[in-house]
């Protein structure tokens, strides 16, 4: 069965009707599955929540990236405090072990 144009269908009803036929849709082009999933919100591999934007390096959502960076920052601060404590502790031990000079001689 041949498809009729809109002007042919409605022309018999109203011959003076001016019909603008619609354009064709580009249905032949298909995007990549990965792009389609990201457009609709794919699942983050770490937290399992739906997200739209991901970090390209490892595919994590932006919330997970922020959490990881905050944890790394907290770990660095903790390491710095521990190193400071260790150096202070070693200084106390060294001070205690220092040879004392006696005044009797």
Protein backbone atom coordinates (compact mmCIF):
# COMPACT_ATOMS: atom_id res chain seq x y z
CA UNK A 1 0.00 0.00 0.00
CA UNK A 2 1.37 3.38 -1.03
CA UNK A 3 1.57 6.13 1.48
CA UNK A 4 -0.41 9.26 0.65
CA UNK A 5 0.68 12.75 1.44
CA UNK A 6 -1.38 14.84 3.86
CA UNK A 7 -2.40 17.22 1.09
CA UNK A 8 -3.84 14.29 -0.91
CA UNK A 9 -5.81 13.00 2.09
CA UNK A 10 -7.29 16.37 3.16
CA UNK A 11 -7.65 17.71 -0.42
CA UNK A 12 -10.77 15.70 -1.03
CA UNK A 13 -12.42 17.18 2.07
CA UNK A 14 -11.40 20.81 1.56
CA UNK A 15 -9.77 21.63 -1.78
CA UNK A 16 -8.75 25.16 -0.65
CA UNK A 17 -6.88 23.86 2.43
CA UNK A 18 -3.16 24.53 2.28
CA UNK A 19 -1.31 21.65 3.94
CA UNK A 20 2.37 21.82 4.81
CA UNK A 21 3.80 18.34 4.71
CA UNK A 22 6.14 17.49 7.55
CA UNK A 23 9.78 16.67 7.03
CA UNK A 24 11.26 13.25 7.37
CA UNK A 25 12.73 12.09 10.61
CA UNK A 26 16.27 10.86 10.63
CA UNK A 27 15.54 7.40 12.01
CA UNK A 28 18.50 5.70 10.37
CA UNK A 29 21.09 7.19 12.70
CA UNK A 30 21.62 5.33 15.93
CA UNK A 31 23.86 6.48 18.74
CA UNK A 32 26.18 4.28 20.68
CA UNK A 33 24.65 2.29 23.50
CA UNK A 34 27.04 3.84 26.01
CA UNK A 35 26.03 7.36 24.97
CA UNK A 36 22.37 6.43 25.18
CA UNK A 37 22.80 5.04 28.70
CA UNK A 38 24.67 8.14 29.84
CA UNK A 39 22.04 10.44 28.33
CA UNK A 40 19.28 8.75 30.32
CA UNK A 41 21.38 8.16 33.39
CA UNK A 42 23.50 5.06 33.63
CA UNK A 43 24.39 3.34 36.90
CA UNK A 44 27.60 4.17 38.71
CA UNK A 45 29.76 1.05 39.19
CA UNK A 46 30.79 2.10 42.73
CA UNK A 47 27.56 3.29 44.38
CA UNK A 48 24.99 1.82 41.98
CA UNK A 49 23.00 5.06 41.76
CA UNK A 50 21.82 6.56 38.48
CA UNK A 51 23.96 9.44 37.25
CA UNK A 52 24.23 11.49 34.10
CA UNK A 53 27.86 12.64 34.27
CA UNK A 54 30.84 10.38 34.83
CA UNK A 55 34.59 10.85 35.16
CA UNK A 56 36.12 9.42 31.97
CA UNK A 57 39.21 8.03 33.68
CA UNK A 58 37.43 5.39 35.78
CA UNK A 59 33.72 5.83 35.01
CA UNK A 60 32.65 6.96 38.50
CA UNK A 61 29.85 9.43 39.10
CA UNK A 62 30.76 12.90 40.34
CA UNK A 63 29.42 12.23 43.86
CA UNK A 64 31.70 9.20 44.23
CA UNK A 65 34.63 11.24 42.92
CA UNK A 66 33.97 13.92 45.56
CA UNK A 67 33.75 11.27 48.29
CA UNK A 68 37.04 9.69 47.21
CA UNK A 69 38.82 13.06 47.10
CA UNK A 70 37.50 13.98 50.58
CA UNK A 71 38.69 10.62 51.95
CA UNK A 72 42.12 11.09 50.38
CA UNK A 73 42.38 14.59 51.85
CA UNK A 74 41.43 13.31 55.31
CA UNK A 75 43.99 10.49 55.01
CA UNK A 76 46.73 12.98 54.08
CA UNK A 77 45.90 15.16 57.11
CA UNK A 78 45.92 12.11 59.36
CA UNK A 79 49.30 10.99 57.99
CA UNK A 80 50.73 14.47 58.55
CA UNK A 81 49.52 14.46 62.18
CA UNK A 82 51.00 11.01 62.77
CA UNK A 83 54.37 12.01 61.31
CA UNK A 84 54.41 15.12 63.50
CA UNK A 85 53.63 13.03 66.58
CA UNK A 86 56.35 10.50 65.70
CA UNK A 87 58.97 13.23 65.25
CA UNK A 88 57.98 14.83 68.59
CA UNK A 89 58.05 11.43 70.30
CA UNK A 90 61.49 10.63 68.90
CA UNK A 91 62.75 14.04 70.02
CA UNK A 92 61.62 13.30 73.60
CA UNK A 93 63.35 9.91 73.55
CA UNK A 94 66.56 11.44 72.21
CA UNK A 95 66.45 14.15 74.86
CA UNK A 96 65.97 11.58 77.62
CA UNK A 97 68.85 9.41 76.41
CA UNK A 98 71.28 12.29 76.11
CA UNK A 99 74.34 11.82 78.36
CA UNK A 100 74.23 13.99 81.43
CA UNK A 101 77.34 15.80 82.52
CA UNK A 102 77.99 15.53 86.22
CA UNK A 103 79.22 18.57 88.12
CA UNK A 104 81.17 16.58 90.70
CA UNK A 105 84.25 16.09 88.59
